[in-house]
Amino acid sequence: MTSAASHDAELWTGRHEGKDRLRERVWAALLEGGAVATDPRGSIPDFDGADRAAAKLAELEVWHSARVVKCTPDACQQPIRLRALEEGKTLYMAYPRLAVYPCFLRLTREDLDARGVSLEEASTMDGAIKWGHPIPFEEMEHIDLVNVGSVAATGKGARTGKGAGFADLELGLLREYGKVDETTAVATTIHPLSLVDDDAISIEPTDSPLDWVVTEEQVIQTHTPLAAPAGIDWDRIQPDQLVTIPILGRLARERGITT
């Protein structure tokens, strides 16, 4: 394991023993199966076939009807971000680790074309940070489709990321501000080795269930019976997060919340 991967893997472990073991198993399977170019531990895997999984997602009506799409900044979602921009959809991407406020970036083809910016460049994480417009929640549009990165997912709509909880936190914040609701579809694109048995992932109260799980081989509409959280679970927010994630500190102050 590289030192960076080792650091990130250790940074997010210890919050849920069962999910820690599952992530390690999936990361190892992806590496041993040649599905990733580098050690994926501590990250959302940048898996071989991410572009083909994105193409599968783009065949769905839920994609075609989506006018506004939100993606996490994972490398495996770059093909999805690129497709969204090419098709003229409004794209939102979260700033990595929600480390600044405003913590979402807005990108559109119209704006990028006007500035002479390559859509391919803008669809990368670094390009989105460079060329996207930071936008406060109050100015964001309602989001039709969310795509989250996953280390593992089930056909029943459960998922786990790298263990940091940022994807669920992003969704919690978007629900707090009414930008994501029951009409918003939540999808993930993964490698087939990341599709695990239905009982392999336990659901926490802060976990957002998936409506769609897509690999390059298949599309699963989960018809999930799992309930989505209504917003932020302040009882689970740690004091250090109020400092490292500025929007949480801002919201807590506005609402008189202490942790």
Protein backbone atom coordinates (compact mmCIF):
# COMPACT_ATOMS: atom_id res chain seq x y z
CA MET A 1 0.00 0.00 0.00
CA THR A 2 1.35 3.45 -0.83
CA SER A 3 1.87 5.86 2.05
CA ALA A 4 -0.95 8.14 0.82
CA ALA A 5 -3.36 5.25 0.44
CA SER A 6 -2.33 3.89 3.82
CA HIS A 7 -2.92 7.26 5.48
CA ASP A 8 -6.38 7.67 3.96
CA ALA A 9 -7.39 4.09 4.74
CA GLU A 10 -6.38 4.55 8.37
CA LEU A 11 -8.01 7.99 8.55
CA TRP A 12 -11.50 6.63 7.84
CA THR A 13 -11.36 3.28 9.65
CA GLY A 14 -12.74 2.49 13.08
CA ARG A 15 -16.22 3.94 12.65
CA HIS A 16 -17.91 0.67 11.68
CA GLU A 17 -15.99 -2.60 11.97
CA GLY A 18 -18.20 -4.56 9.57
CA LYS A 19 -17.94 -1.93 6.83
CA ASP A 20 -14.18 -1.65 7.42
CA ARG A 21 -13.81 -5.37 6.71
CA LEU A 22 -16.04 -5.19 3.65
CA ARG A 23 -14.14 -2.27 2.18
CA GLU A 24 -10.82 -4.05 2.68
CA ARG A 25 -12.22 -7.15 0.97
CA VAL A 26 -13.53 -5.19 -2.01
CA TRP A 27 -10.39 -3.06 -2.37
CA ALA A 28 -8.29 -6.25 -2.36
CA ALA A 29 -10.55 -7.93 -4.92
CA LEU A 30 -10.37 -4.93 -7.25
CA LEU A 31 -6.58 -4.79 -6.99
CA GLU A 32 -6.09 -8.53 -7.41
CA GLY A 33 -8.58 -8.64 -10.28
CA GLY A 34 -6.77 -5.92 -12.21
CA ALA A 35 -9.80 -3.65 -12.05
CA VAL A 36 -7.77 -0.67 -10.82
CA ALA A 37 -4.41 0.71 -11.89
CA THR A 38 -3.25 1.64 -8.40
CA ASP A 39 -4.02 0.58 -4.84
CA PRO A 40 -7.56 1.84 -4.16
CA ARG A 41 -7.43 1.55 -0.37
CA GLY A 42 -8.66 4.67 1.36
CA SER A 43 -10.49 5.92 -1.73
CA ILE A 44 -13.47 5.50 -4.01
CA PRO A 45 -11.92 3.18 -6.64
CA ASP A 46 -11.10 4.67 -10.03
CA PHE A 47 -12.08 1.41 -11.66
CA ASP A 48 -11.60 0.08 -15.18
CA GLY A 49 -14.88 0.41 -17.05
CA ALA A 50 -16.06 3.58 -15.31
CA ASP A 51 -16.72 5.10 -18.73
CA ARG A 52 -18.78 2.07 -19.79
CA ALA A 53 -20.78 2.17 -16.56
CA ALA A 54 -21.42 5.87 -17.18
CA ALA A 55 -22.67 4.99 -20.66
CA LYS A 56 -25.08 2.46 -19.13
CA LEU A 57 -26.39 5.10 -16.74
CA ALA A 58 -26.82 7.51 -19.64
CA GLU A 59 -29.15 5.05 -21.37
CA LEU A 60 -31.74 5.36 -18.61
CA GLU A 61 -34.79 7.59 -18.70
CA VAL A 62 -33.86 8.86 -15.23
CA TRP A 63 -30.73 10.31 -16.85
CA HIS A 64 -32.43 11.64 -19.97
CA SER A 65 -35.09 13.44 -17.93
CA ALA A 66 -32.59 14.94 -15.47
CA ARG A 67 -31.91 18.61 -16.09
CA VAL A 68 -29.71 19.09 -13.01
CA VAL A 69 -27.13 16.50 -11.94
CA LYS A 70 -24.91 16.37 -8.86
CA CYS A 71 -21.73 14.29 -8.62
CA THR A 72 -19.10 13.74 -5.97
CA PRO A 73 -15.54 14.61 -7.08
CA ASP A 74 -14.29 11.01 -7.37
CA ALA A 75 -12.18 10.22 -10.45
CA CYS A 76 -14.47 7.34 -11.45
CA GLN A 77 -17.29 9.85 -11.91
CA GLN A 78 -15.41 12.02 -14.40
CA PRO A 79 -17.14 10.29 -17.34
CA ILE A 80 -20.52 11.11 -15.79
CA ARG A 81 -19.58 14.73 -15.22
CA LEU A 82 -18.36 14.98 -18.82
CA ARG A 83 -21.59 13.51 -20.20
CA ALA A 84 -23.67 15.88 -18.12
CA LEU A 85 -21.78 18.88 -19.49
CA GLU A 86 -21.83 17.61 -23.07
CA GLU A 87 -25.60 17.16 -22.89
CA GLY A 88 -26.19 20.65 -21.53
CA LYS A 89 -27.20 19.63 -18.03
CA THR A 90 -26.40 21.82 -15.05
CA LEU A 91 -23.69 20.06 -13.04
CA TYR A 92 -22.97 20.47 -9.36
CA MET A 93 -19.87 19.00 -7.77
CA ALA A 94 -19.02 19.12 -4.09
CA TYR A 95 -15.70 20.67 -3.14
CA PRO A 96 -13.51 17.80 -1.85
CA ARG A 97 -14.19 17.08 1.82
CA LEU A 98 -16.54 20.10 1.91
CA ALA A 99 -13.47 22.01 3.04
CA VAL A 100 -14.64 25.47 1.93
CA TYR A 101 -17.87 27.47 1.84
CA PRO A 102 -19.66 27.69 -0.51
CA CYS A 103 -19.01 23.98 -0.74
CA PHE A 104 -20.65 23.25 -4.11
CA LEU A 105 -19.44 24.24 -7.56
CA ARG A 106 -21.76 24.91 -10.51
CA LEU A 107 -20.74 24.14 -14.07
CA THR A 108 -22.65 24.49 -17.34
CA ARG A 109 -21.63 23.97 -20.95
CA GLU A 110 -22.87 27.42 -21.91
CA ASP A 111 -20.58 29.12 -19.40
CA LEU A 112 -17.57 26.93 -20.16
CA ASP A 113 -17.95 27.36 -23.91
CA ALA A 114 -18.17 31.13 -23.45
CA ARG A 115 -14.87 31.08 -21.55
CA GLY A 116 -13.19 28.71 -24.02
CA VAL A 117 -12.78 25.97 -21.42
CA SER A 118 -12.56 22.35 -22.56
CA LEU A 119 -15.46 20.30 -21.21
CA GLU A 120 -13.09 17.39 -20.66
CA GLU A 121 -10.83 19.54 -18.52
CA ALA A 122 -13.76 21.01 -16.59
CA SER A 123 -15.12 17.53 -15.85
CA THR A 124 -12.02 16.51 -13.90
CA MET A 125 -11.92 17.23 -10.18
CA ASP A 126 -9.13 19.82 -10.54
CA GLY A 127 -10.78 21.36 -13.58
CA ALA A 128 -14.12 21.68 -11.82
CA ILE A 129 -12.43 23.37 -8.89
CA LYS A 130 -10.64 25.76 -11.25
CA TRP A 131 -13.54 26.59 -13.57
CA GLY A 132 -16.67 25.93 -11.52
CA HIS A 133 -18.53 28.73 -9.80
CA PRO A 134 -18.84 28.37 -6.00
CA ILE A 135 -22.52 28.75 -5.26
CA PRO A 136 -24.38 29.05 -1.95
CA PHE A 137 -27.22 26.66 -1.24
CA GLU A 138 -29.79 29.41 -1.57
CA GLU A 139 -28.88 29.89 -5.24
CA MET A 140 -28.75 26.21 -6.20
CA GLU A 141 -31.43 24.60 -8.33
CA HIS A 142 -33.40 21.53 -7.34
CA ILE A 143 -31.35 18.43 -8.22
CA ASP A 144 -32.95 15.72 -10.34
CA LEU A 145 -30.22 13.07 -10.16
CA VAL A 146 -27.41 12.47 -7.70
CA ASN A 147 -24.56 10.12 -8.51
CA VAL A 148 -22.40 9.03 -5.59
CA GLY A 149 -19.13 7.12 -5.56
CA SER A 150 -19.10 3.78 -3.78
CA VAL A 151 -16.62 1.17 -2.65
CA ALA A 152 -19.44 -1.38 -2.48
CA ALA A 153 -23.19 -1.47 -3.08
CA THR A 154 -26.03 -3.98 -2.96
CA GLY A 155 -28.92 -4.63 -5.29
CA LYS A 156 -31.26 -3.50 -2.51
CA GLY A 157 -29.85 0.01 -2.40
CA ALA A 158 -27.32 -0.07 0.43
CA ARG A 159 -23.84 1.32 -0.15
CA THR A 160 -20.62 2.17 1.57
CA GLY A 161 -18.06 4.72 0.52
CA LYS A 162 -14.53 4.97 1.82
CA GLY A 163 -15.79 5.47 5.36
CA ALA A 164 -15.55 9.23 5.67
CA GLY A 165 -19.28 9.85 5.29
CA PHE A 166 -18.95 12.84 2.96
CA ALA A 167 -21.42 11.61 0.31
CA ASP A 168 -24.15 11.14 2.92
CA LEU A 169 -23.23 14.44 4.55
CA GLU A 170 -23.54 16.21 1.20
CA LEU A 171 -26.97 14.68 0.69
CA GLY A 172 -27.98 15.60 4.22
CA LEU A 173 -27.03 19.22 3.60
CA LEU A 174 -28.86 19.28 0.27
CA ARG A 175 -31.98 17.90 1.95
CA GLU A 176 -31.70 20.52 4.70
CA TYR A 177 -31.87 23.19 2.00
CA GLY A 178 -34.57 21.48 -0.06
CA LYS A 179 -32.33 20.87 -3.09
CA VAL A 180 -32.76 17.09 -2.83
CA ASP A 181 -36.07 15.46 -1.96
CA GLU A 182 -38.10 12.31 -2.58
CA THR A 183 -38.25 13.11 -6.30
CA THR A 184 -34.45 13.08 -6.61
CA ALA A 185 -32.97 9.82 -7.89
CA VAL A 186 -29.76 8.58 -6.25
CA ALA A 187 -27.45 6.36 -8.31
CA THR A 188 -23.99 4.87 -8.16
CA THR A 189 -21.70 3.46 -10.83
CA ILE A 190 -19.38 0.68 -9.70
CA HIS A 191 -17.21 -2.17 -10.94
CA PRO A 192 -18.95 -5.58 -10.93
CA LEU A 193 -16.57 -6.67 -8.14
CA SER A 194 -18.03 -3.91 -5.97
CA LEU A 195 -21.54 -5.36 -6.19
CA VAL A 196 -21.96 -7.38 -2.99
CA ASP A 197 -24.61 -9.56 -1.37
CA ASP A 198 -27.70 -7.81 -0.05
CA ASP A 199 -26.86 -8.63 3.56
CA ALA A 200 -23.24 -7.47 3.32
CA ILE A 201 -23.93 -3.83 4.21
CA SER A 202 -25.77 -2.70 7.31
CA ILE A 203 -27.69 0.57 7.11
CA GLU A 204 -27.03 3.46 9.46
CA PRO A 205 -29.60 6.23 10.13
CA THR A 206 -27.47 8.73 8.18
CA ASP A 207 -27.08 6.49 5.11
CA SER A 208 -28.84 7.54 1.91
CA PRO A 209 -30.17 4.53 -0.04
CA LEU A 210 -29.62 4.07 -3.76
CA ASP A 211 -32.34 3.97 -6.37
CA TRP A 212 -30.00 2.74 -9.09
CA VAL A 213 -26.84 0.61 -9.07
CA VAL A 214 -25.07 0.54 -12.43
CA THR A 215 -22.08 -1.48 -13.64
CA GLU A 216 -20.79 -1.87 -17.17
CA GLU A 217 -22.64 -5.21 -17.22
CA GLN A 218 -26.00 -4.47 -15.66
CA VAL A 219 -28.47 -1.90 -14.39
CA ILE A 220 -30.30 -2.52 -11.14
CA GLN A 221 -33.29 -0.47 -10.12
CA THR A 222 -33.28 -1.20 -6.42
CA HIS A 223 -36.87 -0.29 -5.52
CA THR A 224 -35.26 0.28 -2.13
CA PRO A 225 -37.48 0.02 0.93
CA LEU A 226 -34.89 1.99 2.91
CA ALA A 227 -35.85 5.44 4.13
CA ALA A 228 -33.66 8.42 3.35
CA PRO A 229 -32.61 10.67 6.24
CA ALA A 230 -34.43 13.98 6.38
CA GLY A 231 -31.28 16.06 6.79
CA ILE A 232 -28.30 16.36 9.11
CA ASP A 233 -28.23 14.16 12.20
CA TRP A 234 -26.65 16.64 14.55
CA ASP A 235 -26.22 14.03 17.27
CA ARG A 236 -23.63 12.33 15.06
CA ILE A 237 -21.67 15.45 14.14
CA GLN A 238 -18.31 15.61 15.91
CA PRO A 239 -16.93 18.90 17.32
CA ASP A 240 -13.93 18.82 14.96
CA GLN A 241 -16.28 18.68 11.96
CA LEU A 242 -17.70 22.07 12.89
CA VAL A 243 -14.19 23.43 12.26
CA THR A 244 -13.04 21.36 9.28
CA ILE A 245 -16.39 21.60 7.42
CA PRO A 246 -17.28 25.32 7.43
CA ILE A 247 -20.92 24.88 6.39
CA LEU A 248 -21.58 22.72 9.45
CA GLY A 249 -20.13 25.34 11.76
CA ARG A 250 -22.20 28.01 10.05
CA LEU A 251 -25.42 26.01 10.31
CA ALA A 252 -24.74 25.11 13.94
CA ARG A 253 -24.23 28.76 14.86
CA GLU A 254 -27.36 29.83 13.00
CA ARG A 255 -29.42 27.20 14.81
CA GLY A 256 -27.78 27.43 18.22
CA ILE A 257 -26.61 23.81 18.03
CA THR A 258 -23.74 22.55 20.16
CA THR A 259 -22.14 19.10 19.92
